[in-house]
Amino acid sequence: MLFEHELPPTTRGRGMLPTGIFEVEQNTATAIALIFVFSSLVPYVGILFCPFAILVGGFGLLEAWFFPQTGGARIAACCIMCALLIAGAQVLLWWWYF
């Protein structure tokens, strides 16, 4: 068809992007921690997601430590730091509200 493009033979059938711009995330705990961090950005409700982002980010660091081929250690560490910063902001929002 007009908008179909053929994948190179090395990536055919794996579901990978052929351009190599984004890496395929194999560390599932890190991906879940990133979702929790994005969910924690919602004002006043996001404070519920911050502890889970910190916890699952720690699991992502452990997974990257024990299985280095999965990667994702830097993203997990960034998720933990962002979750701590967002938790502080959420606590300030709750303190200012009450």
C-alpha atoms as a PDB file:
ATOM      1  CA  MET A   1       0.000   0.000   0.000  1.00  0.00           C
ATOM      2  CA  LEU A   2       0.941   3.625  -0.110  1.00  0.00           C
ATOM      3  CA  PHE A   3       1.781   4.212   3.571  1.00  0.00           C
ATOM      4  CA  GLU A   4       3.231   0.801   4.408  1.00  0.00           C
ATOM      5  CA  HIS A   5       6.938   0.490   4.717  1.00  0.00           C
ATOM      6  CA  GLU A   6       9.032  -2.619   4.819  1.00  0.00           C
ATOM      7  CA  LEU A   7      10.983  -3.333   7.984  1.00  0.00           C
ATOM      8  CA  PRO A   8      14.616  -4.296   7.629  1.00  0.00           C
ATOM      9  CA  PRO A   9      15.209  -8.055   7.850  1.00  0.00           C
ATOM     10  CA  THR A  10      16.959  -7.752  11.235  1.00  0.00           C
ATOM     11  CA  THR A  11      13.918  -6.246  12.986  1.00  0.00           C
ATOM     12  CA  ARG A  12      11.132  -8.006  11.098  1.00  0.00           C
ATOM     13  CA  GLY A  13       8.681  -9.726  13.448  1.00  0.00           C
ATOM     14  CA  ARG A  14      10.065  -8.297  16.679  1.00  0.00           C
ATOM     15  CA  GLY A  15       7.900  -5.177  16.818  1.00  0.00           C
ATOM     16  CA  MET A  16      10.885  -2.849  17.104  1.00  0.00           C
ATOM     17  CA  LEU A  17      11.146   0.587  15.550  1.00  0.00           C
ATOM     18  CA  PRO A  18      13.360   0.412  12.493  1.00  0.00           C
ATOM     19  CA  THR A  19      14.914   3.864  12.985  1.00  0.00           C
ATOM     20  CA  GLY A  20      16.552   3.155  16.356  1.00  0.00           C
ATOM     21  CA  ILE A  21      15.499   6.522  17.810  1.00  0.00           C
ATOM     22  CA  PHE A  22      13.828   4.980  20.866  1.00  0.00           C
ATOM     23  CA  GLU A  23      15.088   1.893  22.612  1.00  0.00           C
ATOM     24  CA  VAL A  24      12.662  -0.882  23.419  1.00  0.00           C
ATOM     25  CA  GLU A  25      12.061  -0.840  27.181  1.00  0.00           C
ATOM     26  CA  GLN A  26      12.637  -4.309  28.586  1.00  0.00           C
ATOM     27  CA  ASN A  27      12.593  -3.359  32.266  1.00  0.00           C
ATOM     28  CA  THR A  28       8.895  -3.535  33.066  1.00  0.00           C
ATOM     29  CA  ALA A  29       9.257  -2.192  36.606  1.00  0.00           C
ATOM     30  CA  THR A  30      10.884   0.950  35.253  1.00  0.00           C
ATOM     31  CA  ALA A  31       8.102   1.415  32.710  1.00  0.00           C
ATOM     32  CA  ILE A  32       5.476   1.048  35.450  1.00  0.00           C
ATOM     33  CA  ALA A  33       7.365   3.518  37.679  1.00  0.00           C
ATOM     34  CA  LEU A  34       7.381   6.025  34.834  1.00  0.00           C
ATOM     35  CA  ILE A  35       3.612   5.649  34.476  1.00  0.00           C
ATOM     36  CA  PHE A  36       3.203   6.240  38.220  1.00  0.00           C
ATOM     37  CA  VAL A  37       5.369   9.370  38.003  1.00  0.00           C
ATOM     38  CA  PHE A  38       3.235  10.770  35.204  1.00  0.00           C
ATOM     39  CA  SER A  39       0.091   9.890  37.154  1.00  0.00           C
ATOM     40  CA  SER A  40       1.417  11.648  40.245  1.00  0.00           C
ATOM     41  CA  LEU A  41       1.443  14.978  38.406  1.00  0.00           C
ATOM     42  CA  VAL A  42      -2.316  15.353  38.951  1.00  0.00           C
ATOM     43  CA  PRO A  43      -2.788  17.952  41.693  1.00  0.00           C
ATOM     44  CA  TYR A  44      -4.074  16.710  45.079  1.00  0.00           C
ATOM     45  CA  VAL A  45      -4.722  13.171  43.795  1.00  0.00           C
ATOM     46  CA  GLY A  46      -1.170  12.540  42.687  1.00  0.00           C
ATOM     47  CA  ILE A  47       0.074  12.133  46.230  1.00  0.00           C
ATOM     48  CA  LEU A  48      -1.424   8.621  46.143  1.00  0.00           C
ATOM     49  CA  PHE A  49       0.834   7.616  43.240  1.00  0.00           C
ATOM     50  CA  CYS A  50       4.147   8.962  44.601  1.00  0.00           C
ATOM     51  CA  PRO A  51       4.874   6.126  47.087  1.00  0.00           C
ATOM     52  CA  PHE A  52       4.111   3.551  44.413  1.00  0.00           C
ATOM     53  CA  ALA A  53       6.437   5.326  41.964  1.00  0.00           C
ATOM     54  CA  ILE A  54       9.233   5.263  44.544  1.00  0.00           C
ATOM     55  CA  LEU A  55       8.614   1.611  45.409  1.00  0.00           C
ATOM     56  CA  VAL A  56       8.350   0.356  41.838  1.00  0.00           C
ATOM     57  CA  GLY A  57      11.313   2.534  40.813  1.00  0.00           C
ATOM     58  CA  GLY A  58      13.333   0.726  43.471  1.00  0.00           C
ATOM     59  CA  PHE A  59      12.236  -2.585  41.993  1.00  0.00           C
ATOM     60  CA  GLY A  60      13.334  -1.268  38.587  1.00  0.00           C
ATOM     61  CA  LEU A  61      16.774  -0.451  40.001  1.00  0.00           C
ATOM     62  CA  LEU A  62      17.012  -3.940  41.488  1.00  0.00           C
ATOM     63  CA  GLU A  63      15.966  -5.510  38.204  1.00  0.00           C
ATOM     64  CA  ALA A  64      18.583  -3.463  36.341  1.00  0.00           C
ATOM     65  CA  TRP A  65      21.181  -4.471  38.924  1.00  0.00           C
ATOM     66  CA  PHE A  66      20.492  -8.205  38.816  1.00  0.00           C
ATOM     67  CA  PHE A  67      19.695  -8.396  35.080  1.00  0.00           C
ATOM     68  CA  PRO A  68      21.899  -5.802  33.334  1.00  0.00           C
ATOM     69  CA  GLN A  69      20.684  -6.795  29.869  1.00  0.00           C
ATOM     70  CA  THR A  70      17.263  -5.294  30.618  1.00  0.00           C
ATOM     71  CA  GLY A  71      18.662  -1.790  31.252  1.00  0.00           C
ATOM     72  CA  GLY A  72      16.550   1.036  32.598  1.00  0.00           C
ATOM     73  CA  ALA A  73      18.629   1.898  35.669  1.00  0.00           C
ATOM     74  CA  ARG A  74      18.925   5.598  34.812  1.00  0.00           C
ATOM     75  CA  ILE A  75      15.221   5.910  34.098  1.00  0.00           C
ATOM     76  CA  ALA A  76      14.398   4.146  37.386  1.00  0.00           C
ATOM     77  CA  ALA A  77      16.674   6.490  39.327  1.00  0.00           C
ATOM     78  CA  CYS A  78      15.084   9.493  37.599  1.00  0.00           C
ATOM     79  CA  CYS A  79      11.625   8.153  38.456  1.00  0.00           C
ATOM     80  CA  ILE A  80      12.583   7.896  42.129  1.00  0.00           C
ATOM     81  CA  MET A  81      14.000  11.430  42.212  1.00  0.00           C
ATOM     82  CA  CYS A  82      11.022  12.912  40.336  1.00  0.00           C
ATOM     83  CA  ALA A  83       8.574  11.075  42.597  1.00  0.00           C
ATOM     84  CA  LEU A  84      10.317  12.501  45.664  1.00  0.00           C
ATOM     85  CA  LEU A  85      10.163  16.026  44.245  1.00  0.00           C
ATOM     86  CA  ILE A  86       6.525  15.665  43.223  1.00  0.00           C
ATOM     87  CA  ALA A  87       5.657  14.207  46.636  1.00  0.00           C
ATOM     88  CA  GLY A  88       7.164  17.275  48.266  1.00  0.00           C
ATOM     89  CA  ALA A  89       5.144  19.545  46.007  1.00  0.00           C
ATOM     90  CA  GLN A  90       1.980  17.552  46.687  1.00  0.00           C
ATOM     91  CA  VAL A  91       2.534  17.809  50.453  1.00  0.00           C
ATOM     92  CA  LEU A  92       2.918  21.570  50.081  1.00  0.00           C
ATOM     93  CA  LEU A  93      -0.299  21.699  48.053  1.00  0.00           C
ATOM     94  CA  TRP A  94      -2.169  19.776  50.744  1.00  0.00           C
ATOM     95  CA  TRP A  95      -0.645  21.910  53.518  1.00  0.00           C
ATOM     96  CA  TRP A  96      -1.638  25.117  51.694  1.00  0.00           C
ATOM     97  CA  TYR A  97      -5.158  23.800  51.024  1.00  0.00           C
ATOM     98  CA  PHE A  98      -5.904  23.019  54.671  1.00  0.00           C
END
